Amino acid sequence: MTIERGLKMMDEVYGPGFSDTMPAERSPMLDDTIGHLFGEIWSRPGLSVRDRRLLVLGATAALGRADLIEIQVRGALANDELTAEQLREAVLHLHYYVGWGNGTQLHTGVEAALRDHRTEES
């Protein structure tokens, strides 16, 4: 597990400077998230960051977590991985696989991130 590699990958996944939002004093759980999840899993060859993000969006949609979806969508927009149209198409597609209630949460997270992104671009 490498914290330094994990912090670098967090910036690649969520946009430059994201790792700066991590507290200096971290819990063992956060260190493991940074070092293992981002330093080892997100850093593996075989899938692009965009591919991994789409998988996470699908899994997170199944959980109905608009807050986590919003974080992923912000990263996708920061990295120019997905357009607003592609994200909205993903929302429609996933509605049928994750259920209407979870799909509605997916929609909520995507639209919140899109609103923030438009505001930042203005």
N, C-alpha and C. Protein backbone atom coordinates (compact mmCIF):
# COMPACT_ATOMS: atom_id res chain seq x y z
N MET A 1 0.86 -1.18 0.00
CA MET A 1 0.00 0.00 0.00
C MET A 1 0.90 1.24 0.00
N THR A 2 0.63 2.15 -0.87
CA THR A 2 1.43 3.36 -0.94
C THR A 2 0.53 4.60 -0.92
N ILE A 3 0.70 5.38 0.09
CA ILE A 3 -0.10 6.60 0.26
C ILE A 3 0.20 7.59 -0.86
N GLU A 4 1.49 7.77 -1.17
CA GLU A 4 1.87 8.74 -2.19
C GLU A 4 1.25 8.40 -3.55
N ARG A 5 1.31 7.15 -3.95
CA ARG A 5 0.71 6.74 -5.22
C ARG A 5 -0.81 6.90 -5.17
N GLY A 6 -1.39 6.59 -4.02
CA GLY A 6 -2.84 6.74 -3.87
C GLY A 6 -3.29 8.19 -3.98
N LEU A 7 -2.56 9.10 -3.37
CA LEU A 7 -2.90 10.52 -3.46
C LEU A 7 -2.78 11.02 -4.90
N LYS A 8 -1.75 10.57 -5.59
CA LYS A 8 -1.58 10.94 -7.00
C LYS A 8 -2.75 10.42 -7.84
N MET A 9 -3.15 9.18 -7.58
CA MET A 9 -4.26 8.60 -8.34
C MET A 9 -5.57 9.31 -8.01
N MET A 10 -5.76 9.72 -6.77
CA MET A 10 -6.97 10.48 -6.41
C MET A 10 -7.07 11.75 -7.26
N ASP A 11 -5.94 12.43 -7.47
CA ASP A 11 -5.93 13.62 -8.32
C ASP A 11 -6.25 13.26 -9.77
N GLU A 12 -5.79 12.10 -10.21
CA GLU A 12 -6.10 11.67 -11.58
C GLU A 12 -7.58 11.32 -11.72
N VAL A 13 -8.15 10.72 -10.69
CA VAL A 13 -9.55 10.30 -10.73
C VAL A 13 -10.50 11.47 -10.55
N TYR A 14 -10.23 12.35 -9.61
CA TYR A 14 -11.18 13.41 -9.25
C TYR A 14 -10.77 14.80 -9.68
N GLY A 15 -9.60 14.96 -10.26
CA GLY A 15 -9.14 16.25 -10.73
C GLY A 15 -7.99 16.79 -9.88
N PRO A 16 -7.15 17.61 -10.51
CA PRO A 16 -5.98 18.15 -9.80
C PRO A 16 -6.37 18.84 -8.50
N GLY A 17 -5.59 18.58 -7.48
CA GLY A 17 -5.81 19.21 -6.18
C GLY A 17 -6.76 18.48 -5.25
N PHE A 18 -7.43 17.42 -5.75
CA PHE A 18 -8.37 16.71 -4.89
C PHE A 18 -7.67 16.14 -3.66
N SER A 19 -6.47 15.63 -3.85
CA SER A 19 -5.75 15.02 -2.72
C SER A 19 -5.45 16.05 -1.63
N ASP A 20 -5.40 17.32 -2.01
CA ASP A 20 -5.15 18.38 -1.01
C ASP A 20 -6.31 18.50 -0.02
N THR A 21 -7.46 17.95 -0.36
CA THR A 21 -8.61 18.02 0.54
C THR A 21 -8.56 16.94 1.63
N MET A 22 -7.60 16.02 1.51
CA MET A 22 -7.47 14.97 2.51
C MET A 22 -6.83 15.57 3.77
N PRO A 23 -7.37 15.24 4.93
CA PRO A 23 -6.81 15.80 6.17
C PRO A 23 -5.39 15.30 6.42
N ALA A 24 -4.57 16.12 7.07
CA ALA A 24 -3.20 15.74 7.39
C ALA A 24 -3.19 14.56 8.37
N GLU A 25 -4.08 14.61 9.34
CA GLU A 25 -4.22 13.50 10.29
C GLU A 25 -5.39 12.65 9.82
N ARG A 26 -5.07 11.44 9.35
CA ARG A 26 -6.08 10.57 8.76
C ARG A 26 -6.30 9.34 9.64
N SER A 27 -7.50 8.84 9.56
CA SER A 27 -7.83 7.59 10.25
C SER A 27 -7.21 6.43 9.49
N PRO A 28 -7.05 5.27 10.15
CA PRO A 28 -6.56 4.09 9.44
C PRO A 28 -7.44 3.73 8.24
N MET A 29 -8.76 3.93 8.36
CA MET A 29 -9.67 3.63 7.25
C MET A 29 -9.37 4.53 6.05
N LEU A 30 -9.15 5.82 6.28
CA LEU A 30 -8.86 6.73 5.18
C LEU A 30 -7.50 6.42 4.57
N ASP A 31 -6.50 6.12 5.40
CA ASP A 31 -5.19 5.72 4.87
C ASP A 31 -5.31 4.47 4.01
N ASP A 32 -6.12 3.52 4.42
CA ASP A 32 -6.31 2.30 3.64
C ASP A 32 -7.03 2.60 2.33
N THR A 33 -8.01 3.50 2.38
CA THR A 33 -8.71 3.91 1.17
C THR A 33 -7.74 4.55 0.19
N ILE A 34 -6.92 5.46 0.68
CA ILE A 34 -5.96 6.15 -0.18
C ILE A 34 -4.90 5.16 -0.70
N GLY A 35 -4.29 4.44 0.20
CA GLY A 35 -3.19 3.55 -0.17
C GLY A 35 -3.61 2.33 -0.95
N HIS A 36 -4.66 1.66 -0.50
CA HIS A 36 -5.06 0.42 -1.17
C HIS A 36 -6.02 0.67 -2.34
N LEU A 37 -7.16 1.32 -2.06
CA LEU A 37 -8.15 1.50 -3.12
C LEU A 37 -7.59 2.32 -4.28
N PHE A 38 -6.99 3.47 -3.96
CA PHE A 38 -6.48 4.32 -5.04
C PHE A 38 -5.05 3.96 -5.45
N GLY A 39 -4.20 3.64 -4.49
CA GLY A 39 -2.81 3.30 -4.82
C GLY A 39 -2.64 1.94 -5.47
N GLU A 40 -3.54 1.01 -5.18
CA GLU A 40 -3.41 -0.35 -5.72
C GLU A 40 -4.51 -0.68 -6.74
N ILE A 41 -5.76 -0.45 -6.41
CA ILE A 41 -6.88 -0.89 -7.26
C ILE A 41 -7.10 0.05 -8.45
N TRP A 42 -7.33 1.34 -8.18
CA TRP A 42 -7.54 2.29 -9.28
C TRP A 42 -6.30 2.40 -10.17
N SER A 43 -5.13 2.08 -9.65
CA SER A 43 -3.87 2.21 -10.40
C SER A 43 -3.54 1.00 -11.26
N ARG A 44 -4.31 -0.06 -11.15
CA ARG A 44 -4.02 -1.27 -11.91
C ARG A 44 -4.18 -1.05 -13.42
N PRO A 45 -3.39 -1.76 -14.21
CA PRO A 45 -3.59 -1.70 -15.66
C PRO A 45 -4.82 -2.53 -16.04
N GLY A 46 -5.27 -2.38 -17.25
CA GLY A 46 -6.37 -3.21 -17.73
C GLY A 46 -7.67 -2.47 -17.93
N LEU A 47 -7.92 -1.45 -17.13
CA LEU A 47 -9.11 -0.61 -17.30
C LEU A 47 -8.66 0.84 -17.17
N SER A 48 -9.24 1.69 -17.98
CA SER A 48 -8.96 3.12 -17.87
C SER A 48 -9.69 3.69 -16.65
N VAL A 49 -9.32 4.89 -16.26
CA VAL A 49 -10.03 5.58 -15.19
C VAL A 49 -11.50 5.73 -15.58
N ARG A 50 -11.76 6.06 -16.84
CA ARG A 50 -13.14 6.20 -17.31
C ARG A 50 -13.90 4.88 -17.18
N ASP A 51 -13.28 3.77 -17.55
CA ASP A 51 -13.93 2.47 -17.41
C ASP A 51 -14.26 2.18 -15.95
N ARG A 52 -13.30 2.43 -15.08
CA ARG A 52 -13.52 2.18 -13.65
C ARG A 52 -14.62 3.09 -13.11
N ARG A 53 -14.63 4.35 -13.59
CA ARG A 53 -15.65 5.28 -13.12
C ARG A 53 -17.04 4.80 -13.52
N LEU A 54 -17.20 4.32 -14.75
CA LEU A 54 -18.50 3.81 -15.18
C LEU A 54 -18.94 2.64 -14.30
N LEU A 55 -18.01 1.77 -13.94
CA LEU A 55 -18.35 0.66 -13.05
C LEU A 55 -18.79 1.18 -11.68
N VAL A 56 -18.06 2.16 -11.16
CA VAL A 56 -18.41 2.73 -9.85
C VAL A 56 -19.76 3.43 -9.92
N LEU A 57 -20.02 4.14 -11.02
CA LEU A 57 -21.32 4.79 -11.16
C LEU A 57 -22.45 3.77 -11.14
N GLY A 58 -22.28 2.65 -11.83
CA GLY A 58 -23.31 1.62 -11.83
C GLY A 58 -23.52 1.03 -10.45
N ALA A 59 -22.42 0.72 -9.77
CA ALA A 59 -22.52 0.13 -8.43
C ALA A 59 -23.12 1.13 -7.45
N THR A 60 -22.70 2.38 -7.55
CA THR A 60 -23.20 3.41 -6.64
C THR A 60 -24.67 3.71 -6.92
N ALA A 61 -25.05 3.65 -8.18
CA ALA A 61 -26.47 3.83 -8.52
C ALA A 61 -27.31 2.74 -7.87
N ALA A 62 -26.79 1.52 -7.86
CA ALA A 62 -27.53 0.41 -7.24
C ALA A 62 -27.70 0.62 -5.73
N LEU A 63 -26.82 1.40 -5.13
CA LEU A 63 -26.92 1.72 -3.71
C LEU A 63 -27.83 2.91 -3.45
N GLY A 64 -28.14 3.67 -4.51
CA GLY A 64 -29.00 4.84 -4.35
C GLY A 64 -28.33 5.99 -3.62
N ARG A 65 -27.01 6.15 -3.82
CA ARG A 65 -26.24 7.16 -3.10
C ARG A 65 -25.94 8.36 -3.98
N ALA A 66 -26.86 9.33 -4.01
CA ALA A 66 -26.69 10.53 -4.83
C ALA A 66 -25.42 11.28 -4.48
N ASP A 67 -25.04 11.29 -3.20
CA ASP A 67 -23.84 12.02 -2.77
C ASP A 67 -22.58 11.42 -3.39
N LEU A 68 -22.48 10.10 -3.41
CA LEU A 68 -21.30 9.45 -3.99
C LEU A 68 -21.30 9.55 -5.52
N ILE A 69 -22.48 9.50 -6.10
CA ILE A 69 -22.61 9.66 -7.56
C ILE A 69 -22.12 11.04 -7.96
N GLU A 70 -22.51 12.04 -7.20
CA GLU A 70 -22.11 13.42 -7.50
C GLU A 70 -20.59 13.55 -7.51
N ILE A 71 -19.90 12.92 -6.58
CA ILE A 71 -18.43 12.97 -6.53
C ILE A 71 -17.84 12.35 -7.79
N GLN A 72 -18.38 11.20 -8.20
CA GLN A 72 -17.87 10.54 -9.40
C GLN A 72 -18.12 11.37 -10.65
N VAL A 73 -19.29 11.96 -10.74
CA VAL A 73 -19.62 12.76 -11.92
C VAL A 73 -18.75 14.01 -11.97
N ARG A 74 -18.49 14.62 -10.84
CA ARG A 74 -17.58 15.78 -10.82
C ARG A 74 -16.22 15.38 -11.37
N GLY A 75 -15.72 14.22 -10.97
CA GLY A 75 -14.45 13.73 -11.49
C GLY A 75 -14.49 13.49 -12.99
N ALA A 76 -15.58 12.88 -13.46
CA ALA A 76 -15.73 12.61 -14.89
C ALA A 76 -15.74 13.90 -15.69
N LEU A 77 -16.42 14.92 -15.17
CA LEU A 77 -16.48 16.21 -15.85
C LEU A 77 -15.13 16.93 -15.80
N ALA A 78 -14.46 16.87 -14.67
CA ALA A 78 -13.14 17.51 -14.52
C ALA A 78 -12.13 16.92 -15.49
N ASN A 79 -12.27 15.63 -15.78
CA ASN A 79 -11.33 14.93 -16.66
C ASN A 79 -11.82 14.83 -18.10
N ASP A 80 -12.95 15.46 -18.40
CA ASP A 80 -13.54 15.38 -19.75
C ASP A 80 -13.74 13.94 -20.21
N GLU A 81 -14.15 13.07 -19.30
CA GLU A 81 -14.38 11.66 -19.62
C GLU A 81 -15.78 11.42 -20.17
N LEU A 82 -16.74 12.17 -19.68
CA LEU A 82 -18.13 11.98 -20.08
C LEU A 82 -18.77 13.35 -20.28
N THR A 83 -19.64 13.44 -21.27
CA THR A 83 -20.37 14.68 -21.52
C THR A 83 -21.68 14.64 -20.74
N ALA A 84 -22.34 15.77 -20.67
CA ALA A 84 -23.65 15.83 -20.02
C ALA A 84 -24.62 14.88 -20.71
N GLU A 85 -24.56 14.82 -22.01
CA GLU A 85 -25.46 13.93 -22.76
C GLU A 85 -25.19 12.46 -22.44
N GLN A 86 -23.92 12.09 -22.37
CA GLN A 86 -23.57 10.70 -22.03
C GLN A 86 -24.00 10.36 -20.61
N LEU A 87 -23.83 11.29 -19.69
CA LEU A 87 -24.24 11.05 -18.31
C LEU A 87 -25.75 10.88 -18.21
N ARG A 88 -26.48 11.70 -18.92
CA ARG A 88 -27.94 11.57 -18.89
C ARG A 88 -28.39 10.28 -19.55
N GLU A 89 -27.70 9.84 -20.57
CA GLU A 89 -28.01 8.55 -21.19
C GLU A 89 -27.73 7.40 -20.22
N ALA A 90 -26.65 7.51 -19.46
CA ALA A 90 -26.34 6.50 -18.44
C ALA A 90 -27.43 6.46 -17.38
N VAL A 91 -27.94 7.63 -16.99
CA VAL A 91 -29.03 7.68 -16.01
C VAL A 91 -30.24 6.91 -16.53
N LEU A 92 -30.63 7.19 -17.75
CA LEU A 92 -31.78 6.50 -18.32
C LEU A 92 -31.55 4.99 -18.38
N HIS A 93 -30.38 4.60 -18.85
CA HIS A 93 -30.07 3.17 -18.98
C HIS A 93 -30.08 2.47 -17.61
N LEU A 94 -29.45 3.10 -16.64
CA LEU A 94 -29.35 2.47 -15.32
C LEU A 94 -30.67 2.44 -14.57
N HIS A 95 -31.57 3.37 -14.87
CA HIS A 95 -32.89 3.33 -14.22
C HIS A 95 -33.51 1.94 -14.31
N TYR A 96 -33.36 1.29 -15.44
CA TYR A 96 -33.99 -0.01 -15.67
C TYR A 96 -33.27 -1.15 -14.98
N TYR A 97 -32.04 -0.94 -14.56
CA TYR A 97 -31.27 -1.99 -13.90
C TYR A 97 -31.19 -1.82 -12.39
N VAL A 98 -31.29 -0.59 -11.90
CA VAL A 98 -31.13 -0.35 -10.46
C VAL A 98 -32.44 -0.04 -9.76
N GLY A 99 -33.52 0.04 -10.51
CA GLY A 99 -34.82 0.38 -9.93
C GLY A 99 -35.07 1.87 -9.99
N TRP A 100 -36.33 2.21 -10.03
CA TRP A 100 -36.69 3.61 -10.24
C TRP A 100 -36.26 4.52 -9.11
N GLY A 101 -36.37 4.05 -7.87
CA GLY A 101 -35.94 4.88 -6.73
C GLY A 101 -34.45 5.15 -6.75
N ASN A 102 -33.65 4.13 -6.97
CA ASN A 102 -32.20 4.32 -7.05
C ASN A 102 -31.83 5.12 -8.29
N GLY A 103 -32.55 4.89 -9.38
CA GLY A 103 -32.31 5.67 -10.60
C GLY A 103 -32.59 7.14 -10.38
N THR A 104 -33.59 7.43 -9.58
CA THR A 104 -33.91 8.83 -9.27
C THR A 104 -32.77 9.45 -8.47
N GLN A 105 -32.17 8.70 -7.56
CA GLN A 105 -31.02 9.20 -6.81
C GLN A 105 -29.83 9.42 -7.75
N LEU A 106 -29.65 8.53 -8.70
CA LEU A 106 -28.61 8.69 -9.71
C LEU A 106 -28.83 10.00 -10.47
N HIS A 107 -30.06 10.21 -10.91
CA HIS A 107 -30.42 11.45 -11.62
C HIS A 107 -30.10 12.67 -10.75
N THR A 108 -30.47 12.62 -9.49
CA THR A 108 -30.23 13.73 -8.57
C THR A 108 -28.75 14.06 -8.46
N GLY A 109 -27.91 13.03 -8.29
CA GLY A 109 -26.47 13.24 -8.18
C GLY A 109 -25.85 13.77 -9.45
N VAL A 110 -26.27 13.23 -10.59
CA VAL A 110 -25.74 13.67 -11.88
C VAL A 110 -26.11 15.13 -12.14
N GLU A 111 -27.38 15.46 -11.94
CA GLU A 111 -27.81 16.83 -12.21
C GLU A 111 -27.17 17.84 -11.27
N ALA A 112 -26.95 17.47 -10.02
CA ALA A 112 -26.27 18.37 -9.08
C ALA A 112 -24.85 18.65 -9.54
N ALA A 113 -24.15 17.61 -9.96
CA ALA A 113 -22.78 17.78 -10.45
C ALA A 113 -22.75 18.61 -11.73
N LEU A 114 -23.71 18.38 -12.62
CA LEU A 114 -23.77 19.16 -13.85
C LEU A 114 -24.04 20.64 -13.56
N ARG A 115 -24.93 20.92 -12.61
CA ARG A 115 -25.20 22.32 -12.23
C ARG A 115 -23.93 22.98 -11.70
N ASP A 116 -23.22 22.28 -10.81
CA ASP A 116 -21.98 22.83 -10.25
C ASP A 116 -20.95 23.05 -11.34
N HIS A 117 -20.86 22.12 -12.27
CA HIS A 117 -19.88 22.22 -13.36
C HIS A 117 -20.19 23.42 -14.25
N ARG A 118 -21.45 23.62 -14.57
CA ARG A 118 -21.84 24.78 -15.39
C ARG A 118 -21.51 26.10 -14.66
N THR A 119 -21.75 26.11 -13.36
CA THR A 119 -21.47 27.32 -12.56
C THR A 119 -19.97 27.60 -12.54
N GLU A 120 -19.16 26.55 -12.41
CA GLU A 120 -17.71 26.72 -12.39
C GLU A 120 -17.19 27.20 -13.73
N GLU A 121 -17.82 26.79 -14.82
CA GLU A 121 -17.37 27.20 -16.16
C GLU A 121 -17.74 28.64 -16.47
N SER A 122 -18.75 29.17 -15.78
CA SER A 122 -19.23 30.54 -16.07
C SER A 122 -18.28 31.59 -15.53
